[in-house]
Amino acid sequence: LKPSARHIQKELEFEIEVKTNSLGM
């Protein structure tokens, strides 16, 4: 996972934010 990154994961059953910290977690 890239550090300090963000995207919206959108599937048929959910839509959530995936955000990482500076350690790539």
PDB file of all heavy atoms in Angstrom:
ATOM      1  N   LEU A   1       0.847  -1.191   0.000  1.00  0.00           N
ATOM      2  CA  LEU A   1       0.000   0.000   0.000  1.00  0.00           C
ATOM      3  C   LEU A   1       0.882   1.239   0.000  1.00  0.00           C
ATOM      4  O   LEU A   1       1.869   1.314   0.727  1.00  0.00           O
ATOM      5  CB  LEU A   1      -0.905   0.012   1.238  1.00  0.00           C
ATOM      6  CG  LEU A   1      -1.877  -1.164   1.379  1.00  0.00           C
ATOM      7  CD1 LEU A   1      -2.678  -1.041   2.665  1.00  0.00           C
ATOM      8  CD2 LEU A   1      -2.808  -1.246   0.177  1.00  0.00           C
ATOM      9  N   LYS A   2       0.520   2.203  -0.815  1.00  0.00           N
ATOM     10  CA  LYS A   2       1.276   3.447  -0.872  1.00  0.00           C
ATOM     11  C   LYS A   2       1.044   4.247   0.414  1.00  0.00           C
ATOM     12  O   LYS A   2      -0.069   4.294   0.939  1.00  0.00           O
ATOM     13  CB  LYS A   2       0.824   4.285  -2.070  1.00  0.00           C
ATOM     14  CG  LYS A   2       1.074   3.642  -3.417  1.00  0.00           C
ATOM     15  CD  LYS A   2       0.539   4.517  -4.543  1.00  0.00           C
ATOM     16  CE  LYS A   2       0.739   3.864  -5.904  1.00  0.00           C
ATOM     17  NZ  LYS A   2       0.182   4.692  -6.998  1.00  0.00           N
ATOM     18  N   PRO A   3       2.078   4.870   0.932  1.00  0.00           N
ATOM     19  CA  PRO A   3       1.900   5.712   2.132  1.00  0.00           C
ATOM     20  C   PRO A   3       1.046   6.935   1.833  1.00  0.00           C
ATOM     21  O   PRO A   3       1.094   7.498   0.728  1.00  0.00           O
ATOM     22  CB  PRO A   3       3.336   6.124   2.487  1.00  0.00           C
ATOM     23  CG  PRO A   3       4.214   5.147   1.763  1.00  0.00           C
ATOM     24  CD  PRO A   3       3.481   4.767   0.522  1.00  0.00           C
ATOM     25  N   SER A   4       0.249   7.345   2.813  1.00  0.00           N
ATOM     26  CA  SER A   4      -0.545   8.579   2.754  1.00  0.00           C
ATOM     27  C   SER A   4      -1.342   8.674   1.458  1.00  0.00           C
ATOM     28  O   SER A   4      -1.313   9.685   0.747  1.00  0.00           O
ATOM     29  CB  SER A   4       0.367   9.799   2.909  1.00  0.00           C
ATOM     30  OG  SER A   4       1.118   9.726   4.108  1.00  0.00           O
ATOM     31  N   ALA A   5      -2.054   7.608   1.132  1.00  0.00           N
ATOM     32  CA  ALA A   5      -2.850   7.555  -0.100  1.00  0.00           C
ATOM     33  C   ALA A   5      -4.316   7.308   0.238  1.00  0.00           C
ATOM     34  O   ALA A   5      -4.670   6.959   1.361  1.00  0.00           O
ATOM     35  CB  ALA A   5      -2.323   6.465  -1.027  1.00  0.00           C
ATOM     36  N   ARG A   6      -5.175   7.470  -0.767  1.00  0.00           N
ATOM     37  CA  ARG A   6      -6.607   7.341  -0.528  1.00  0.00           C
ATOM     38  C   ARG A   6      -7.327   6.965  -1.816  1.00  0.00           C
ATOM     39  O   ARG A   6      -6.965   7.418  -2.901  1.00  0.00           O
ATOM     40  CB  ARG A   6      -7.168   8.662   0.000  1.00  0.00           C
ATOM     41  CG  ARG A   6      -8.671   8.723   0.157  1.00  0.00           C
ATOM     42  CD  ARG A   6      -9.137  10.119   0.520  1.00  0.00           C
ATOM     43  NE  ARG A   6     -10.587  10.206   0.608  1.00  0.00           N
ATOM     44  CZ  ARG A   6     -11.406  10.409  -0.418  1.00  0.00           C
ATOM     45  NH1 ARG A   6     -10.893  10.551  -1.632  1.00  0.00           N
ATOM     46  NH2 ARG A   6     -12.714  10.458  -0.254  1.00  0.00           N
ATOM     47  N   HIS A   7      -8.353   6.134  -1.691  1.00  0.00           N
ATOM     48  CA  HIS A   7      -9.282   5.910  -2.792  1.00  0.00           C
ATOM     49  C   HIS A   7     -10.605   5.393  -2.242  1.00  0.00           C
ATOM     50  O   HIS A   7     -10.705   4.988  -1.081  1.00  0.00           O
ATOM     51  CB  HIS A   7      -8.681   4.948  -3.823  1.00  0.00           C
ATOM     52  CG  HIS A   7      -8.996   3.494  -3.596  1.00  0.00           C
ATOM     53  ND1 HIS A   7      -9.981   2.830  -4.283  1.00  0.00           N
ATOM     54  CD2 HIS A   7      -8.466   2.584  -2.753  1.00  0.00           C
ATOM     55  CE1 HIS A   7     -10.029   1.568  -3.876  1.00  0.00           C
ATOM     56  NE2 HIS A   7      -9.127   1.386  -2.959  1.00  0.00           N
ATOM     57  N   ILE A   8     -11.620   5.434  -3.060  1.00  0.00           N
ATOM     58  CA  ILE A   8     -12.942   4.923  -2.702  1.00  0.00           C
ATOM     59  C   ILE A   8     -13.119   3.550  -3.341  1.00  0.00           C
ATOM     60  O   ILE A   8     -13.027   3.417  -4.566  1.00  0.00           O
ATOM     61  CB  ILE A   8     -14.071   5.860  -3.169  1.00  0.00           C
ATOM     62  CG1 ILE A   8     -13.916   7.243  -2.549  1.00  0.00           C
ATOM     63  CG2 ILE A   8     -15.433   5.269  -2.819  1.00  0.00           C
ATOM     64  CD1 ILE A   8     -14.014   7.267  -1.038  1.00  0.00           C
ATOM     65  N   GLN A   9     -13.322   2.539  -2.519  1.00  0.00           N
ATOM     66  CA  GLN A   9     -13.569   1.188  -3.015  1.00  0.00           C
ATOM     67  C   GLN A   9     -15.075   1.004  -3.167  1.00  0.00           C
ATOM     68  O   GLN A   9     -15.824   1.057  -2.188  1.00  0.00           O
ATOM     69  CB  GLN A   9     -13.013   0.136  -2.060  1.00  0.00           C
ATOM     70  CG  GLN A   9     -13.199  -1.300  -2.569  1.00  0.00           C
ATOM     71  CD  GLN A   9     -12.782  -2.339  -1.542  1.00  0.00           C
ATOM     72  OE1 GLN A   9     -12.485  -2.011  -0.396  1.00  0.00           O
ATOM     73  NE2 GLN A   9     -12.764  -3.596  -1.949  1.00  0.00           N
ATOM     74  N   LYS A  10     -15.532   0.813  -4.384  1.00  0.00           N
ATOM     75  CA  LYS A  10     -16.959   0.678  -4.656  1.00  0.00           C
ATOM     76  C   LYS A  10     -17.239  -0.660  -5.310  1.00  0.00           C
ATOM     77  O   LYS A  10     -16.733  -0.951  -6.389  1.00  0.00           O
ATOM     78  CB  LYS A  10     -17.449   1.812  -5.556  1.00  0.00           C
ATOM     79  CG  LYS A  10     -18.959   1.826  -5.776  1.00  0.00           C
ATOM     80  CD  LYS A  10     -19.395   3.040  -6.572  1.00  0.00           C
ATOM     81  CE  LYS A  10     -20.908   3.084  -6.735  1.00  0.00           C
ATOM     82  NZ  LYS A  10     -21.340   4.267  -7.534  1.00  0.00           N
ATOM     83  N   GLU A  11     -18.015  -1.476  -4.641  1.00  0.00           N
ATOM     84  CA  GLU A  11     -18.417  -2.775  -5.160  1.00  0.00           C
ATOM     85  C   GLU A  11     -19.940  -2.859  -5.135  1.00  0.00           C
ATOM     86  O   GLU A  11     -20.624  -1.912  -4.703  1.00  0.00           O
ATOM     87  CB  GLU A  11     -17.804  -3.898  -4.313  1.00  0.00           C
ATOM     88  CG  GLU A  11     -16.288  -3.837  -4.158  1.00  0.00           C
ATOM     89  CD  GLU A  11     -15.536  -4.109  -5.443  1.00  0.00           C
ATOM     90  OE1 GLU A  11     -16.160  -4.623  -6.392  1.00  0.00           O
ATOM     91  OE2 GLU A  11     -14.325  -3.801  -5.497  1.00  0.00           O
ATOM     92  N   LEU A  12     -20.485  -3.975  -5.581  1.00  0.00           N
ATOM     93  CA  LEU A  12     -21.939  -4.132  -5.590  1.00  0.00           C
ATOM     94  C   LEU A  12     -22.524  -4.054  -4.185  1.00  0.00           C
ATOM     95  O   LEU A  12     -23.647  -3.586  -3.987  1.00  0.00           O
ATOM     96  CB  LEU A  12     -22.320  -5.481  -6.225  1.00  0.00           C
ATOM     97  CG  LEU A  12     -22.072  -5.625  -7.732  1.00  0.00           C
ATOM     98  CD1 LEU A  12     -22.353  -7.055  -8.169  1.00  0.00           C
ATOM     99  CD2 LEU A  12     -22.926  -4.640  -8.517  1.00  0.00           C
ATOM    100  N   GLU A  13     -21.752  -4.502  -3.181  1.00  0.00           N
ATOM    101  CA  GLU A  13     -22.285  -4.632  -1.829  1.00  0.00           C
ATOM    102  C   GLU A  13     -21.834  -3.541  -0.865  1.00  0.00           C
ATOM    103  O   GLU A  13     -22.340  -3.458   0.254  1.00  0.00           O
ATOM    104  CB  GLU A  13     -21.882  -5.993  -1.258  1.00  0.00           C
ATOM    105  CG  GLU A  13     -22.434  -7.157  -2.067  1.00  0.00           C
ATOM    106  CD  GLU A  13     -21.790  -8.474  -1.697  1.00  0.00           C
ATOM    107  OE1 GLU A  13     -20.584  -8.626  -1.948  1.00  0.00           O
ATOM    108  OE2 GLU A  13     -22.495  -9.333  -1.144  1.00  0.00           O
ATOM    109  N   PHE A  14     -20.890  -2.703  -1.274  1.00  0.00           N
ATOM    110  CA  PHE A  14     -20.412  -1.669  -0.362  1.00  0.00           C
ATOM    111  C   PHE A  14     -19.668  -0.584  -1.119  1.00  0.00           C
ATOM    112  O   PHE A  14     -19.251  -0.754  -2.262  1.00  0.00           O
ATOM    113  CB  PHE A  14     -19.500  -2.263   0.718  1.00  0.00           C
ATOM    114  CG  PHE A  14     -18.343  -3.071   0.180  1.00  0.00           C
ATOM    115  CD1 PHE A  14     -17.203  -2.463  -0.299  1.00  0.00           C
ATOM    116  CD2 PHE A  14     -18.407  -4.467   0.155  1.00  0.00           C
ATOM    117  CE1 PHE A  14     -16.141  -3.205  -0.803  1.00  0.00           C
ATOM    118  CE2 PHE A  14     -17.353  -5.224  -0.334  1.00  0.00           C
ATOM    119  CZ  PHE A  14     -16.215  -4.580  -0.811  1.00  0.00           C
ATOM    120  N   GLU A  15     -19.511   0.542  -0.449  1.00  0.00           N
ATOM    121  CA  GLU A  15     -18.701   1.652  -0.936  1.00  0.00           C
ATOM    122  C   GLU A  15     -18.010   2.258   0.280  1.00  0.00           C
ATOM    123  O   GLU A  15     -18.662   2.791   1.177  1.00  0.00           O
ATOM    124  CB  GLU A  15     -19.548   2.710  -1.631  1.00  0.00           C
ATOM    125  CG  GLU A  15     -18.730   3.877  -2.165  1.00  0.00           C
ATOM    126  CD  GLU A  15     -19.561   4.873  -2.967  1.00  0.00           C
ATOM    127  OE1 GLU A  15     -20.685   4.503  -3.368  1.00  0.00           O
ATOM    128  OE2 GLU A  15     -19.088   6.004  -3.180  1.00  0.00           O
ATOM    129  N   ILE A  16     -16.687   2.161   0.326  1.00  0.00           N
ATOM    130  CA  ILE A  16     -15.939   2.605   1.499  1.00  0.00           C
ATOM    131  C   ILE A  16     -14.688   3.375   1.080  1.00  0.00           C
ATOM    132  O   ILE A  16     -14.212   3.252  -0.049  1.00  0.00           O
ATOM    133  CB  ILE A  16     -15.505   1.417   2.391  1.00  0.00           C
ATOM    134  CG1 ILE A  16     -14.609   0.455   1.595  1.00  0.00           C
ATOM    135  CG2 ILE A  16     -16.704   0.709   2.990  1.00  0.00           C
ATOM    136  CD1 ILE A  16     -13.842  -0.513   2.443  1.00  0.00           C
ATOM    137  N   GLU A  17     -14.163   4.139   2.020  1.00  0.00           N
ATOM    138  CA  GLU A  17     -12.909   4.834   1.813  1.00  0.00           C
ATOM    139  C   GLU A  17     -11.755   3.943   2.281  1.00  0.00           C
ATOM    140  O   GLU A  17     -11.823   3.353   3.357  1.00  0.00           O
ATOM    141  CB  GLU A  17     -12.881   6.143   2.593  1.00  0.00           C
ATOM    142  CG  GLU A  17     -11.568   6.909   2.437  1.00  0.00           C
ATOM    143  CD  GLU A  17     -11.485   8.133   3.331  1.00  0.00           C
ATOM    144  OE1 GLU A  17     -11.684   7.982   4.556  1.00  0.00           O
ATOM    145  OE2 GLU A  17     -11.222   9.226   2.813  1.00  0.00           O
ATOM    146  N   VAL A  18     -10.738   3.842   1.453  1.00  0.00           N
ATOM    147  CA  VAL A  18      -9.507   3.159   1.843  1.00  0.00           C
ATOM    148  C   VAL A  18      -8.416   4.222   1.912  1.00  0.00           C
ATOM    149  O   VAL A  18      -8.039   4.808   0.904  1.00  0.00           O
ATOM    150  CB  VAL A  18      -9.122   2.056   0.845  1.00  0.00           C
ATOM    151  CG1 VAL A  18      -7.792   1.415   1.248  1.00  0.00           C
ATOM    152  CG2 VAL A  18     -10.213   1.008   0.754  1.00  0.00           C
ATOM    153  N   LYS A  19      -7.942   4.465   3.120  1.00  0.00           N
ATOM    154  CA  LYS A  19      -6.965   5.516   3.355  1.00  0.00           C
ATOM    155  C   LYS A  19      -5.788   4.945   4.126  1.00  0.00           C
ATOM    156  O   LYS A  19      -5.981   4.176   5.068  1.00  0.00           O
ATOM    157  CB  LYS A  19      -7.621   6.643   4.148  1.00  0.00           C
ATOM    158  CG  LYS A  19      -6.766   7.885   4.342  1.00  0.00           C
ATOM    159  CD  LYS A  19      -7.560   8.944   5.095  1.00  0.00           C
ATOM    160  CE  LYS A  19      -6.743  10.207   5.313  1.00  0.00           C
ATOM    161  NZ  LYS A  19      -7.515  11.227   6.062  1.00  0.00           N
ATOM    162  N   THR A  20      -4.578   5.301   3.727  1.00  0.00           N
ATOM    163  CA  THR A  20      -3.392   4.761   4.389  1.00  0.00           C
ATOM    164  C   THR A  20      -2.670   5.859   5.174  1.00  0.00           C
ATOM    165  O   THR A  20      -2.787   7.050   4.866  1.00  0.00           O
ATOM    166  CB  THR A  20      -2.411   4.152   3.376  1.00  0.00           C
ATOM    167  OG1 THR A  20      -1.976   5.174   2.463  1.00  0.00           O
ATOM    168  CG2 THR A  20      -3.068   3.021   2.601  1.00  0.00           C
ATOM    169  N   ASN A  21      -1.908   5.427   6.185  1.00  0.00           N
ATOM    170  CA  ASN A  21      -1.119   6.380   6.954  1.00  0.00           C
ATOM    171  C   ASN A  21       0.276   6.514   6.354  1.00  0.00           C
ATOM    172  O   ASN A  21       0.571   5.938   5.301  1.00  0.00           O
ATOM    173  CB  ASN A  21      -1.075   5.984   8.435  1.00  0.00           C
ATOM    174  CG  ASN A  21      -0.386   4.640   8.657  1.00  0.00           C
ATOM    175  OD1 ASN A  21       0.322   4.123   7.795  1.00  0.00           O
ATOM    176  ND2 ASN A  21      -0.588   4.057   9.827  1.00  0.00           N
ATOM    177  N   SER A  22       1.147   7.245   7.018  1.00  0.00           N
ATOM    178  CA  SER A  22       2.477   7.510   6.478  1.00  0.00           C
ATOM    179  C   SER A  22       3.367   6.265   6.443  1.00  0.00           C
ATOM    180  O   SER A  22       4.416   6.263   5.796  1.00  0.00           O
ATOM    181  CB  SER A  22       3.175   8.606   7.295  1.00  0.00           C
ATOM    182  OG  SER A  22       3.284   8.228   8.655  1.00  0.00           O
ATOM    183  N   LEU A  23       2.950   5.200   7.143  1.00  0.00           N
ATOM    184  CA  LEU A  23       3.704   3.943   7.119  1.00  0.00           C
ATOM    185  C   LEU A  23       3.182   2.973   6.062  1.00  0.00           C
ATOM    186  O   LEU A  23       3.659   1.849   5.953  1.00  0.00           O
ATOM    187  CB  LEU A  23       3.636   3.277   8.502  1.00  0.00           C
ATOM    188  CG  LEU A  23       4.261   4.043   9.660  1.00  0.00           C
ATOM    189  CD1 LEU A  23       4.026   3.312  10.983  1.00  0.00           C
ATOM    190  CD2 LEU A  23       5.747   4.270   9.427  1.00  0.00           C
ATOM    191  N   GLY A  24       2.182   3.414   5.275  1.00  0.00           N
ATOM    192  CA  GLY A  24       1.618   2.542   4.253  1.00  0.00           C
ATOM    193  C   GLY A  24       0.723   1.467   4.827  1.00  0.00           C
ATOM    194  O   GLY A  24       0.685   0.346   4.323  1.00  0.00           O
ATOM    195  N   MET A  25      -0.031   1.793   5.878  1.00  0.00           N
ATOM    196  CA  MET A  25      -0.957   0.861   6.515  1.00  0.00           C
ATOM    197  C   MET A  25      -2.366   1.437   6.460  1.00  0.00           C
ATOM    198  O   MET A  25      -2.543   2.663   6.541  1.00  0.00           O
ATOM    199  CB  MET A  25      -0.569   0.635   7.984  1.00  0.00           C
ATOM    200  CG  MET A  25       0.836   0.111   8.191  1.00  0.00           C
ATOM    201  SD  MET A  25       1.478   0.514   9.843  1.00  0.00           S
ATOM    202  CE  MET A  25       0.256  -0.277  10.882  1.00  0.00           C
TER     203      MET A  25
END
